[in-house]
Amino acid sequence: MSLDERIDALKAKHQALEVALEAENSRPRPDETHVAILKKRKLRIKDEIASLSRK
């Protein structure tokens, strides 16, 4: 997998997590623990994208 392909795959995962976060937050009583987990995953992916983009 090339660097660009890896970045594209990470961006797709990041977007999927954003959709999951929106879905969870649109519930009448969102699970705050699940929301926190999704946010942490999303941040880790964002950091990895930034790191790979610098190479």
C-alpha atoms as a PDB file:
ATOM      1  CA  MET A   1       0.000   0.000   0.000  1.00  0.00           C
ATOM      2  CA  SER A   2       1.423   3.340  -1.019  1.00  0.00           C
ATOM      3  CA  LEU A   3       1.532   6.322   1.284  1.00  0.00           C
ATOM      4  CA  ASP A   4      -1.297   8.053  -0.594  1.00  0.00           C
ATOM      5  CA  GLU A   5      -3.446   4.925  -0.391  1.00  0.00           C
ATOM      6  CA  ARG A   6      -2.801   4.686   3.356  1.00  0.00           C
ATOM      7  CA  ILE A   7      -3.771   8.333   3.850  1.00  0.00           C
ATOM      8  CA  ASP A   8      -6.930   7.849   1.764  1.00  0.00           C
ATOM      9  CA  ALA A   9      -7.877   4.781   3.819  1.00  0.00           C
ATOM     10  CA  LEU A  10      -7.350   6.720   7.048  1.00  0.00           C
ATOM     11  CA  LYS A  11      -9.465   9.604   5.742  1.00  0.00           C
ATOM     12  CA  ALA A  12     -12.255   7.133   4.950  1.00  0.00           C
ATOM     13  CA  LYS A  13     -12.064   5.711   8.492  1.00  0.00           C
ATOM     14  CA  HIS A  14     -12.059   9.243   9.895  1.00  0.00           C
ATOM     15  CA  GLN A  15     -15.218  10.066   7.919  1.00  0.00           C
ATOM     16  CA  ALA A  16     -16.901   6.839   9.045  1.00  0.00           C
ATOM     17  CA  LEU A  17     -16.179   7.748  12.659  1.00  0.00           C
ATOM     18  CA  GLU A  18     -17.649  11.203  12.070  1.00  0.00           C
ATOM     19  CA  VAL A  19     -20.850   9.588  10.774  1.00  0.00           C
ATOM     20  CA  ALA A  20     -20.951   7.258  13.782  1.00  0.00           C
ATOM     21  CA  LEU A  21     -20.465  10.221  16.130  1.00  0.00           C
ATOM     22  CA  GLU A  22     -23.285  12.153  14.483  1.00  0.00           C
ATOM     23  CA  ALA A  23     -25.559   9.123  14.732  1.00  0.00           C
ATOM     24  CA  GLU A  24     -24.764   8.595  18.398  1.00  0.00           C
ATOM     25  CA  ASN A  25     -25.209  12.274  19.239  1.00  0.00           C
ATOM     26  CA  SER A  26     -28.549  12.423  17.430  1.00  0.00           C
ATOM     27  CA  ARG A  27     -29.994   9.807  19.787  1.00  0.00           C
ATOM     28  CA  PRO A  28     -32.230  11.125  22.569  1.00  0.00           C
ATOM     29  CA  ARG A  29     -29.735   9.914  25.199  1.00  0.00           C
ATOM     30  CA  PRO A  30     -26.290   9.422  23.628  1.00  0.00           C
ATOM     31  CA  ASP A  31     -23.915   7.016  25.335  1.00  0.00           C
ATOM     32  CA  GLU A  32     -21.211   9.412  26.540  1.00  0.00           C
ATOM     33  CA  THR A  33     -18.677   6.604  26.984  1.00  0.00           C
ATOM     34  CA  HIS A  34     -19.173   5.486  23.380  1.00  0.00           C
ATOM     35  CA  VAL A  35     -18.947   9.084  22.174  1.00  0.00           C
ATOM     36  CA  ALA A  36     -15.635   9.540  24.028  1.00  0.00           C
ATOM     37  CA  ILE A  37     -14.239   6.333  22.513  1.00  0.00           C
ATOM     38  CA  LEU A  38     -15.238   7.429  19.001  1.00  0.00           C
ATOM     39  CA  LYS A  39     -13.671  10.858  19.525  1.00  0.00           C
ATOM     40  CA  LYS A  40     -10.399   9.322  20.717  1.00  0.00           C
ATOM     41  CA  ARG A  41     -10.264   6.987  17.712  1.00  0.00           C
ATOM     42  CA  LYS A  42     -11.000   9.889  15.386  1.00  0.00           C
ATOM     43  CA  LEU A  43      -8.234  11.989  16.967  1.00  0.00           C
ATOM     44  CA  ARG A  44      -5.699   9.141  16.695  1.00  0.00           C
ATOM     45  CA  ILE A  45      -6.510   8.767  13.003  1.00  0.00           C
ATOM     46  CA  LYS A  46      -6.259  12.531  12.455  1.00  0.00           C
ATOM     47  CA  ASP A  47      -2.838  12.542  14.128  1.00  0.00           C
ATOM     48  CA  GLU A  48      -1.684   9.627  11.978  1.00  0.00           C
ATOM     49  CA  ILE A  49      -2.887  11.383   8.810  1.00  0.00           C
ATOM     50  CA  ALA A  50      -0.988  14.525   9.831  1.00  0.00           C
ATOM     51  CA  SER A  51       2.142  12.510  10.562  1.00  0.00           C
ATOM     52  CA  LEU A  52       2.010  10.677   7.239  1.00  0.00           C
ATOM     53  CA  SER A  53       1.289  13.900   5.338  1.00  0.00           C
ATOM     54  CA  ARG A  54       4.544  15.389   6.593  1.00  0.00           C
ATOM     55  CA  LYS A  55       6.584  12.590   5.023  1.00  0.00           C
END
